[in-house]
Amino acid sequence: AAGAVEMRVSTFPTLHGEKAVVRLFGAAA
């Protein structure tokens, strides 16, 4: 939503399942 933090999700297959990394972009202010 407006003014909140946007996030990017990256998934990657590994030996024990999918790893996920969430990048949190800086707050709008």
PDB file of all heavy atoms in Angstrom:
ATOM      1  N   ALA A   1       0.851  -1.200   0.000  1.00  0.00           N
ATOM      2  CA  ALA A   1       0.000   0.000   0.000  1.00  0.00           C
ATOM      3  C   ALA A   1       0.881   1.243   0.000  1.00  0.00           C
ATOM      4  O   ALA A   1       2.071   1.192   0.308  1.00  0.00           O
ATOM      5  CB  ALA A   1      -0.903  -0.017   1.234  1.00  0.00           C
ATOM      6  N   ALA A   2       0.305   2.370  -0.341  1.00  0.00           N
ATOM      7  CA  ALA A   2       1.047   3.626  -0.396  1.00  0.00           C
ATOM      8  C   ALA A   2       1.721   3.898   0.945  1.00  0.00           C
ATOM      9  O   ALA A   2       1.112   3.793   1.999  1.00  0.00           O
ATOM     10  CB  ALA A   2       0.106   4.771  -0.756  1.00  0.00           C
ATOM     11  N   GLY A   3       3.012   4.243   0.880  1.00  0.00           N
ATOM     12  CA  GLY A   3       3.751   4.567   2.086  1.00  0.00           C
ATOM     13  C   GLY A   3       4.348   3.381   2.797  1.00  0.00           C
ATOM     14  O   GLY A   3       5.128   3.542   3.736  1.00  0.00           O
ATOM     15  N   ALA A   4       4.007   2.169   2.373  1.00  0.00           N
ATOM     16  CA  ALA A   4       4.545   0.977   3.022  1.00  0.00           C
ATOM     17  C   ALA A   4       5.769   0.474   2.261  1.00  0.00           C
ATOM     18  O   ALA A   4       6.130   0.992   1.208  1.00  0.00           O
ATOM     19  CB  ALA A   4       3.472  -0.106   3.094  1.00  0.00           C
ATOM     20  N   VAL A   5       6.393  -0.551   2.817  1.00  0.00           N
ATOM     21  CA  VAL A   5       7.583  -1.123   2.204  1.00  0.00           C
ATOM     22  C   VAL A   5       7.191  -2.126   1.130  1.00  0.00           C
ATOM     23  O   VAL A   5       6.372  -3.007   1.360  1.00  0.00           O
ATOM     24  CB  VAL A   5       8.446  -1.818   3.281  1.00  0.00           C
ATOM     25  CG1 VAL A   5       9.584  -2.596   2.641  1.00  0.00           C
ATOM     26  CG2 VAL A   5       8.982  -0.793   4.259  1.00  0.00           C
ATOM     27  N   GLU A   6       7.770  -1.983  -0.071  1.00  0.00           N
ATOM     28  CA  GLU A   6       7.565  -2.978  -1.109  1.00  0.00           C
ATOM     29  C   GLU A   6       8.638  -4.049  -0.982  1.00  0.00           C
ATOM     30  O   GLU A   6       9.724  -3.800  -0.457  1.00  0.00           O
ATOM     31  CB  GLU A   6       7.602  -2.320  -2.485  1.00  0.00           C
ATOM     32  CG  GLU A   6       6.392  -1.451  -2.763  1.00  0.00           C
ATOM     33  CD  GLU A   6       6.128  -1.286  -4.246  1.00  0.00           C
ATOM     34  OE1 GLU A   6       6.832  -1.921  -5.045  1.00  0.00           O
ATOM     35  OE2 GLU A   6       5.213  -0.528  -4.594  1.00  0.00           O
ATOM     36  N   MET A   7       8.326  -5.246  -1.461  1.00  0.00           N
ATOM     37  CA  MET A   7       9.218  -6.379  -1.265  1.00  0.00           C
ATOM     38  C   MET A   7       9.374  -7.172  -2.550  1.00  0.00           C
ATOM     39  O   MET A   7       8.446  -7.303  -3.329  1.00  0.00           O
ATOM     40  CB  MET A   7       8.665  -7.294  -0.160  1.00  0.00           C
ATOM     41  CG  MET A   7       8.357  -6.576   1.143  1.00  0.00           C
ATOM     42  SD  MET A   7       7.542  -7.645   2.350  1.00  0.00           S
ATOM     43  CE  MET A   7       7.015  -6.400   3.557  1.00  0.00           C
ATOM     44  N   ARG A   8      10.582  -7.704  -2.744  1.00  0.00           N
ATOM     45  CA  ARG A   8      10.855  -8.589  -3.865  1.00  0.00           C
ATOM     46  C   ARG A   8      11.154  -9.977  -3.317  1.00  0.00           C
ATOM     47  O   ARG A   8      11.928 -10.126  -2.367  1.00  0.00           O
ATOM     48  CB  ARG A   8      12.045  -8.085  -4.681  1.00  0.00           C
ATOM     49  CG  ARG A   8      12.306  -8.929  -5.929  1.00  0.00           C
ATOM     50  CD  ARG A   8      13.385  -8.313  -6.807  1.00  0.00           C
ATOM     51  NE  ARG A   8      14.704  -8.455  -6.205  1.00  0.00           N
ATOM     52  CZ  ARG A   8      15.585  -7.476  -6.080  1.00  0.00           C
ATOM     53  NH1 ARG A   8      15.268  -6.271  -6.487  1.00  0.00           N
ATOM     54  NH2 ARG A   8      16.765  -7.686  -5.547  1.00  0.00           N
ATOM     55  N   VAL A   9      10.546 -10.997  -3.903  1.00  0.00           N
ATOM     56  CA  VAL A   9      10.724 -12.375  -3.456  1.00  0.00           C
ATOM     57  C   VAL A   9      11.519 -13.136  -4.511  1.00  0.00           C
ATOM     58  O   VAL A   9      11.184 -13.111  -5.690  1.00  0.00           O
ATOM     59  CB  VAL A   9       9.361 -13.064  -3.230  1.00  0.00           C
ATOM     60  CG1 VAL A   9       9.559 -14.528  -2.841  1.00  0.00           C
ATOM     61  CG2 VAL A   9       8.563 -12.337  -2.157  1.00  0.00           C
ATOM     62  N   SER A  10      12.565 -13.798  -4.065  1.00  0.00           N
ATOM     63  CA  SER A  10      13.380 -14.626  -4.951  1.00  0.00           C
ATOM     64  C   SER A  10      13.420 -16.035  -4.379  1.00  0.00           C
ATOM     65  O   SER A  10      13.741 -16.229  -3.199  1.00  0.00           O
ATOM     66  CB  SER A  10      14.798 -14.059  -5.051  1.00  0.00           C
ATOM     67  OG  SER A  10      15.656 -14.960  -5.743  1.00  0.00           O
ATOM     68  N   THR A  11      13.076 -17.031  -5.191  1.00  0.00           N
ATOM     69  CA  THR A  11      13.126 -18.427  -4.744  1.00  0.00           C
ATOM     70  C   THR A  11      14.216 -19.171  -5.509  1.00  0.00           C
ATOM     71  O   THR A  11      14.542 -18.824  -6.655  1.00  0.00           O
ATOM     72  CB  THR A  11      11.781 -19.142  -4.949  1.00  0.00           C
ATOM     73  OG1 THR A  11      11.477 -19.209  -6.344  1.00  0.00           O
ATOM     74  CG2 THR A  11      10.672 -18.404  -4.211  1.00  0.00           C
ATOM     75  N   PHE A  12      14.759 -20.202  -4.849  1.00  0.00           N
ATOM     76  CA  PHE A  12      15.858 -20.949  -5.458  1.00  0.00           C
ATOM     77  C   PHE A  12      15.798 -22.387  -4.957  1.00  0.00           C
ATOM     78  O   PHE A  12      15.746 -22.623  -3.750  1.00  0.00           O
ATOM     79  CB  PHE A  12      17.196 -20.310  -5.070  1.00  0.00           C
ATOM     80  CG  PHE A  12      18.364 -20.793  -5.887  1.00  0.00           C
ATOM     81  CD1 PHE A  12      18.632 -20.227  -7.119  1.00  0.00           C
ATOM     82  CD2 PHE A  12      19.175 -21.806  -5.416  1.00  0.00           C
ATOM     83  CE1 PHE A  12      19.712 -20.668  -7.873  1.00  0.00           C
ATOM     84  CE2 PHE A  12      20.256 -22.265  -6.162  1.00  0.00           C
ATOM     85  CZ  PHE A  12      20.530 -21.687  -7.397  1.00  0.00           C
ATOM     86  N   PRO A  13      15.798 -23.377  -5.875  1.00  0.00           N
ATOM     87  CA  PRO A  13      15.721 -24.781  -5.441  1.00  0.00           C
ATOM     88  C   PRO A  13      17.012 -25.234  -4.768  1.00  0.00           C
ATOM     89  O   PRO A  13      18.112 -24.965  -5.267  1.00  0.00           O
ATOM     90  CB  PRO A  13      15.475 -25.537  -6.750  1.00  0.00           C
ATOM     91  CG  PRO A  13      16.002 -24.660  -7.830  1.00  0.00           C
ATOM     92  CD  PRO A  13      15.805 -23.251  -7.352  1.00  0.00           C
ATOM     93  N   THR A  14      16.902 -25.890  -3.617  1.00  0.00           N
ATOM     94  CA  THR A  14      18.060 -26.409  -2.899  1.00  0.00           C
ATOM     95  C   THR A  14      17.835 -27.875  -2.543  1.00  0.00           C
ATOM     96  O   THR A  14      16.759 -28.429  -2.814  1.00  0.00           O
ATOM     97  CB  THR A  14      18.335 -25.605  -1.608  1.00  0.00           C
ATOM     98  OG1 THR A  14      17.301 -25.901  -0.651  1.00  0.00           O
ATOM     99  CG2 THR A  14      18.368 -24.115  -1.873  1.00  0.00           C
ATOM    100  N   LEU A  15      18.805 -28.479  -1.898  1.00  0.00           N
ATOM    101  CA  LEU A  15      18.741 -29.892  -1.555  1.00  0.00           C
ATOM    102  C   LEU A  15      17.524 -30.231  -0.702  1.00  0.00           C
ATOM    103  O   LEU A  15      16.895 -31.274  -0.879  1.00  0.00           O
ATOM    104  CB  LEU A  15      20.026 -30.292  -0.817  1.00  0.00           C
ATOM    105  CG  LEU A  15      20.123 -31.740  -0.337  1.00  0.00           C
ATOM    106  CD1 LEU A  15      20.115 -32.693  -1.533  1.00  0.00           C
ATOM    107  CD2 LEU A  15      21.384 -31.940   0.501  1.00  0.00           C
ATOM    108  N   HIS A  16      17.172 -29.345   0.229  1.00  0.00           N
ATOM    109  CA  HIS A  16      16.090 -29.636   1.168  1.00  0.00           C
ATOM    110  C   HIS A  16      14.794 -28.879   0.848  1.00  0.00           C
ATOM    111  O   HIS A  16      13.890 -28.838   1.676  1.00  0.00           O
ATOM    112  CB  HIS A  16      16.546 -29.305   2.593  1.00  0.00           C
ATOM    113  CG  HIS A  16      17.684 -30.146   3.064  1.00  0.00           C
ATOM    114  ND1 HIS A  16      17.555 -31.477   3.373  1.00  0.00           N
ATOM    115  CD2 HIS A  16      19.000 -29.842   3.243  1.00  0.00           C
ATOM    116  CE1 HIS A  16      18.729 -31.960   3.746  1.00  0.00           C
ATOM    117  NE2 HIS A  16      19.621 -30.998   3.680  1.00  0.00           N
ATOM    118  N   GLY A  17      14.718 -28.288  -0.323  1.00  0.00           N
ATOM    119  CA  GLY A  17      13.510 -27.561  -0.700  1.00  0.00           C
ATOM    120  C   GLY A  17      13.838 -26.170  -1.205  1.00  0.00           C
ATOM    121  O   GLY A  17      15.011 -25.809  -1.377  1.00  0.00           O
ATOM    122  N   GLU A  18      12.806 -25.391  -1.453  1.00  0.00           N
ATOM    123  CA  GLU A  18      13.013 -24.052  -1.991  1.00  0.00           C
ATOM    124  C   GLU A  18      13.455 -23.072  -0.914  1.00  0.00           C
ATOM    125  O   GLU A  18      12.820 -22.941   0.130  1.00  0.00           O
ATOM    126  CB  GLU A  18      11.725 -23.536  -2.625  1.00  0.00           C
ATOM    127  CG  GLU A  18      11.449 -24.074  -4.003  1.00  0.00           C
ATOM    128  CD  GLU A  18      10.251 -23.394  -4.630  1.00  0.00           C
ATOM    129  OE1 GLU A  18       9.128 -23.651  -4.180  1.00  0.00           O
ATOM    130  OE2 GLU A  18      10.439 -22.605  -5.568  1.00  0.00           O
ATOM    131  N   LYS A  19      14.543 -22.389  -1.202  1.00  0.00           N
ATOM    132  CA  LYS A  19      14.965 -21.286  -0.350  1.00  0.00           C
ATOM    133  C   LYS A  19      14.324 -20.012  -0.872  1.00  0.00           C
ATOM    134  O   LYS A  19      14.207 -19.813  -2.085  1.00  0.00           O
ATOM    135  CB  LYS A  19      16.487 -21.131  -0.367  1.00  0.00           C
ATOM    136  CG  LYS A  19      16.983 -19.928   0.438  1.00  0.00           C
ATOM    137  CD  LYS A  19      18.484 -19.746   0.346  1.00  0.00           C
ATOM    138  CE  LYS A  19      18.913 -18.515   1.141  1.00  0.00           C
ATOM    139  NZ  LYS A  19      20.370 -18.274   1.060  1.00  0.00           N
ATOM    140  N   ALA A  20      13.905 -19.141   0.025  1.00  0.00           N
ATOM    141  CA  ALA A  20      13.314 -17.863  -0.371  1.00  0.00           C
ATOM    142  C   ALA A  20      14.063 -16.730   0.315  1.00  0.00           C
ATOM    143  O   ALA A  20      14.422 -16.829   1.495  1.00  0.00           O
ATOM    144  CB  ALA A  20      11.834 -17.807  -0.004  1.00  0.00           C
ATOM    145  N   VAL A  21      14.305 -15.677  -0.436  1.00  0.00           N
ATOM    146  CA  VAL A  21      14.881 -14.451   0.114  1.00  0.00           C
ATOM    147  C   VAL A  21      13.948 -13.303  -0.235  1.00  0.00           C
ATOM    148  O   VAL A  21      13.570 -13.135  -1.398  1.00  0.00           O
ATOM    149  CB  VAL A  21      16.293 -14.168  -0.438  1.00  0.00           C
ATOM    150  CG1 VAL A  21      16.804 -12.820   0.072  1.00  0.00           C
ATOM    151  CG2 VAL A  21      17.258 -15.282  -0.041  1.00  0.00           C
ATOM    152  N   VAL A  22      13.554 -12.560   0.765  1.00  0.00           N
ATOM    153  CA  VAL A  22      12.672 -11.404   0.573  1.00  0.00           C
ATOM    154  C   VAL A  22      13.498 -10.149   0.757  1.00  0.00           C
ATOM    155  O   VAL A  22      14.090  -9.930   1.819  1.00  0.00           O
ATOM    156  CB  VAL A  22      11.501 -11.421   1.579  1.00  0.00           C
ATOM    157  CG1 VAL A  22      10.568 -10.244   1.313  1.00  0.00           C
ATOM    158  CG2 VAL A  22      10.747 -12.738   1.509  1.00  0.00           C
ATOM    159  N   ARG A  23      13.577  -9.327  -0.271  1.00  0.00           N
ATOM    160  CA  ARG A  23      14.259  -8.039  -0.182  1.00  0.00           C
ATOM    161  C   ARG A  23      13.217  -6.980   0.145  1.00  0.00           C
ATOM    162  O   ARG A  23      12.220  -6.818  -0.566  1.00  0.00           O
ATOM    163  CB  ARG A  23      14.954  -7.712  -1.498  1.00  0.00           C
ATOM    164  CG  ARG A  23      15.417  -6.272  -1.684  1.00  0.00           C
ATOM    165  CD  ARG A  23      16.438  -5.814  -0.672  1.00  0.00           C
ATOM    166  NE  ARG A  23      17.643  -6.610  -0.666  1.00  0.00           N
ATOM    167  CZ  ARG A  23      18.714  -6.343  -1.424  1.00  0.00           C
ATOM    168  NH1 ARG A  23      18.686  -5.325  -2.265  1.00  0.00           N
ATOM    169  NH2 ARG A  23      19.784  -7.106  -1.333  1.00  0.00           N
ATOM    170  N   LEU A  24      13.436  -6.259   1.250  1.00  0.00           N
ATOM    171  CA  LEU A  24      12.529  -5.194   1.663  1.00  0.00           C
ATOM    172  C   LEU A  24      13.139  -3.867   1.257  1.00  0.00           C
ATOM    173  O   LEU A  24      14.214  -3.493   1.727  1.00  0.00           O
ATOM    174  CB  LEU A  24      12.307  -5.224   3.181  1.00  0.00           C
ATOM    175  CG  LEU A  24      11.495  -6.389   3.750  1.00  0.00           C
ATOM    176  CD1 LEU A  24      12.359  -7.632   3.907  1.00  0.00           C
ATOM    177  CD2 LEU A  24      10.903  -6.005   5.095  1.00  0.00           C
ATOM    178  N   PHE A  25      12.469  -3.176   0.348  1.00  0.00           N
ATOM    179  CA  PHE A  25      12.953  -1.876  -0.085  1.00  0.00           C
ATOM    180  C   PHE A  25      12.677  -0.855   1.000  1.00  0.00           C
ATOM    181  O   PHE A  25      11.712  -0.956   1.755  1.00  0.00           O
ATOM    182  CB  PHE A  25      12.278  -1.453  -1.400  1.00  0.00           C
ATOM    183  CG  PHE A  25      12.471  -2.460  -2.491  1.00  0.00           C
ATOM    184  CD1 PHE A  25      11.407  -2.915  -3.227  1.00  0.00           C
ATOM    185  CD2 PHE A  25      13.717  -2.979  -2.759  1.00  0.00           C
ATOM    186  CE1 PHE A  25      11.574  -3.853  -4.236  1.00  0.00           C
ATOM    187  CE2 PHE A  25      13.907  -3.914  -3.761  1.00  0.00           C
ATOM    188  CZ  PHE A  25      12.835  -4.357  -4.507  1.00  0.00           C
ATOM    189  N   GLY A  26      13.516   0.164   1.075  1.00  0.00           N
ATOM    190  CA  GLY A  26      13.372   1.178   2.107  1.00  0.00           C
ATOM    191  C   GLY A  26      11.993   1.802   2.107  1.00  0.00           C
ATOM    192  O   GLY A  26      11.348   1.960   1.075  1.00  0.00           O
ATOM    193  N   ALA A  27      11.522   2.166   3.286  1.00  0.00           N
ATOM    194  CA  ALA A  27      10.220   2.810   3.400  1.00  0.00           C
ATOM    195  C   ALA A  27      10.188   4.079   2.570  1.00  0.00           C
ATOM    196  O   ALA A  27      11.195   4.732   2.360  1.00  0.00           O
ATOM    197  CB  ALA A  27       9.921   3.129   4.865  1.00  0.00           C
ATOM    198  N   ALA A  28       9.005   4.413   2.101  1.00  0.00           N
ATOM    199  CA  ALA A  28       8.853   5.536   1.173  1.00  0.00           C
ATOM    200  C   ALA A  28       9.367   6.840   1.748  1.00  0.00           C
ATOM    201  O   ALA A  28       9.790   7.733   1.021  1.00  0.00           O
ATOM    202  CB  ALA A  28       7.386   5.674   0.776  1.00  0.00           C
ATOM    203  N   ALA A  29       9.343   6.984   3.069  1.00  0.00           N
ATOM    204  CA  ALA A  29       9.749   8.255   3.681  1.00  0.00           C
ATOM    205  C   ALA A  29      11.244   8.339   3.931  1.00  0.00           C
ATOM    206  O   ALA A  29      11.740   9.371   4.372  1.00  0.00           O
ATOM    207  CB  ALA A  29       8.999   8.452   5.006  1.00  0.00           C
TER     208      ALA A  29
END
